[in-house]
Amino acid sequence: MKPIIRWADDLDLHYEPLDRAHRDFVGVLAAAQAADDAALPGAWDQVVELARACFDLEDRWMRDTRFAAAASHIMQHRVVLNVLREGQAHARQGRCAAVREIADEMATWFPKHIQAQDAALALHMRRQTTQTGPG
């Protein structure tokens, strides 16, 4: 059965800037999964752009706060972004089946990434906010 991404309460990490970015990403990935072939290239461009923006934000937080697991987390972001960009190339060449395979893999990967990688980052950021105040 094809994995369709949906927001679920167990993805909420209780760090609103991160949760908002995650909800937005789930929304654009779900839209790409639902897009017909004509709309898929534009929908996939949105997936790539939002992923890049989310990853850049998280990467900056990790570097700025000296997050202990930053190196592996940032590397995972780079690898995934490269895969998403490959999907973008497929979409531009009309190879929608390949893009849909990547979208399905992302629908499986993303919740796991949130629970395995981003949960620790959210905890770290909540502690940083508590120590330094919001901002």
Protein backbone atom coordinates (compact mmCIF):
# COMPACT_ATOMS: atom_id res chain seq x y z
CA MET A 1 0.00 0.00 0.00
CA LYS A 2 1.26 3.44 -0.92
CA PRO A 3 2.23 5.59 2.11
CA ILE A 4 0.28 8.86 2.09
CA ILE A 5 1.73 11.48 4.40
CA ARG A 6 -0.60 13.06 6.93
CA TRP A 7 -0.01 15.15 10.01
CA ALA A 8 -0.49 13.17 13.21
CA ASP A 9 -0.30 14.26 16.83
CA ASP A 10 2.70 12.01 17.46
CA LEU A 11 4.70 14.22 15.08
CA ASP A 12 4.20 17.27 17.33
CA LEU A 13 7.47 18.00 19.14
CA HIS A 14 6.18 20.89 21.26
CA TYR A 15 8.58 23.40 19.75
CA GLU A 16 6.33 25.59 17.64
CA PRO A 17 8.84 26.91 15.08
CA LEU A 18 9.83 23.35 14.23
CA ASP A 19 6.30 21.96 14.41
CA ARG A 20 5.06 24.72 12.07
CA ALA A 21 7.79 23.91 9.55
CA HIS A 22 6.96 20.22 9.78
CA ARG A 23 3.22 20.79 9.29
CA ASP A 24 3.96 22.97 6.26
CA PHE A 25 6.23 20.29 4.80
CA VAL A 26 3.64 17.56 5.35
CA GLY A 27 1.15 19.78 3.53
CA VAL A 28 3.31 20.33 0.44
CA LEU A 29 4.41 16.70 0.29
CA ALA A 30 0.77 15.55 0.56
CA ALA A 31 -0.13 17.98 -2.24
CA ALA A 32 2.65 16.56 -4.41
CA GLN A 33 1.47 13.02 -3.72
CA ALA A 34 -2.06 14.01 -4.76
CA ALA A 35 -1.02 16.04 -7.83
CA ASP A 36 -1.78 14.79 -11.29
CA ASP A 37 1.10 14.44 -13.74
CA ALA A 38 0.61 17.94 -15.16
CA ALA A 39 0.76 19.57 -11.72
CA LEU A 40 3.49 17.34 -10.27
CA PRO A 41 6.56 19.34 -11.43
CA GLY A 42 5.28 22.54 -9.79
CA ALA A 43 4.18 20.69 -6.67
CA TRP A 44 7.57 19.00 -6.45
CA ASP A 45 9.34 22.35 -6.78
CA GLN A 46 7.43 23.42 -3.66
CA VAL A 47 8.54 20.28 -1.82
CA VAL A 48 12.18 20.96 -2.67
CA GLU A 49 12.02 24.65 -1.77
CA LEU A 50 10.28 24.07 1.55
CA ALA A 51 12.63 21.21 2.45
CA ARG A 52 15.61 23.44 1.68
CA ALA A 53 14.22 26.25 3.82
CA CYS A 54 13.37 23.90 6.72
CA PHE A 55 16.74 22.19 6.58
CA ASP A 56 18.56 25.52 6.42
CA LEU A 57 16.67 26.72 9.50
CA GLU A 58 17.36 23.57 11.48
CA ASP A 59 21.01 23.51 10.38
CA ARG A 60 21.45 27.11 11.54
CA TRP A 61 19.87 26.33 14.92
CA MET A 62 22.15 23.34 15.35
CA ARG A 63 25.31 25.26 14.47
CA ASP A 64 24.36 28.36 16.48
CA THR A 65 23.55 26.37 19.63
CA ARG A 66 26.32 23.79 19.24
CA PHE A 67 23.87 20.89 19.11
CA ALA A 68 25.84 17.69 19.85
CA ALA A 69 24.34 15.62 17.01
CA ALA A 70 24.58 18.41 14.44
CA ALA A 71 27.07 16.79 12.07
CA SER A 72 25.06 13.64 11.37
CA HIS A 73 21.74 15.51 11.31
CA ILE A 74 23.04 18.11 8.84
CA MET A 75 24.51 15.35 6.67
CA GLN A 76 21.14 13.60 6.56
CA HIS A 77 19.56 16.86 5.42
CA ARG A 78 22.12 17.17 2.60
CA VAL A 79 21.54 13.62 1.40
CA VAL A 80 17.76 13.99 1.43
CA LEU A 81 17.90 17.35 -0.33
CA ASN A 82 20.04 15.79 -3.06
CA VAL A 83 17.43 13.05 -3.52
CA LEU A 84 14.66 15.66 -3.67
CA ARG A 85 16.60 17.57 -6.33
CA GLU A 86 16.97 14.36 -8.33
CA GLY A 87 13.19 14.15 -8.18
CA GLN A 88 13.03 17.69 -9.48
CA ALA A 89 15.15 16.68 -12.49
CA HIS A 90 12.88 13.67 -13.09
CA ALA A 91 9.81 15.92 -12.90
CA ARG A 92 11.24 18.33 -15.46
CA GLN A 93 11.89 15.41 -17.80
CA GLY A 94 8.34 14.10 -17.41
CA ARG A 95 9.34 11.01 -15.43
CA CYS A 96 6.48 11.30 -12.96
CA ALA A 97 6.64 7.67 -11.80
CA ALA A 98 10.17 8.26 -10.47
CA VAL A 99 9.04 11.39 -8.65
CA ARG A 100 6.11 9.53 -7.12
CA GLU A 101 8.48 6.83 -5.85
CA ILE A 102 10.60 9.49 -4.16
CA ALA A 103 7.47 11.11 -2.70
CA ASP A 104 6.38 7.77 -1.26
CA GLU A 105 9.83 7.21 0.24
CA MET A 106 9.69 10.70 1.75
CA ALA A 107 6.26 9.94 3.24
CA THR A 108 7.87 6.99 5.03
CA TRP A 109 11.14 8.73 5.91
CA PHE A 110 9.84 12.05 7.22
CA PRO A 111 7.91 10.82 10.29
CA LYS A 112 10.89 8.63 11.22
CA HIS A 113 13.23 11.60 10.85
CA ILE A 114 11.00 13.71 13.08
CA GLN A 115 10.90 11.04 15.79
CA ALA A 116 14.55 9.97 15.57
CA GLN A 117 16.39 13.21 14.77
CA ASP A 118 14.18 16.25 15.20
CA ALA A 119 12.77 15.19 18.57
CA ALA A 120 16.23 15.57 20.09
CA LEU A 121 16.67 18.92 18.35
CA ALA A 122 13.31 20.15 19.65
CA LEU A 123 14.24 19.17 23.21
CA HIS A 124 17.58 20.94 22.80
CA MET A 125 15.90 24.07 21.43
CA ARG A 126 13.32 24.14 24.23
CA ARG A 127 16.19 23.99 26.71
CA GLN A 128 18.02 26.77 24.86
CA THR A 129 14.91 28.94 24.93
CA THR A 130 14.46 28.26 28.66
CA GLN A 131 18.09 29.20 29.34
CA THR A 132 18.31 32.28 27.11
CA GLY A 133 14.70 33.39 26.79
CA PRO A 134 12.68 33.50 23.57
CA GLY A 135 14.15 35.07 20.58
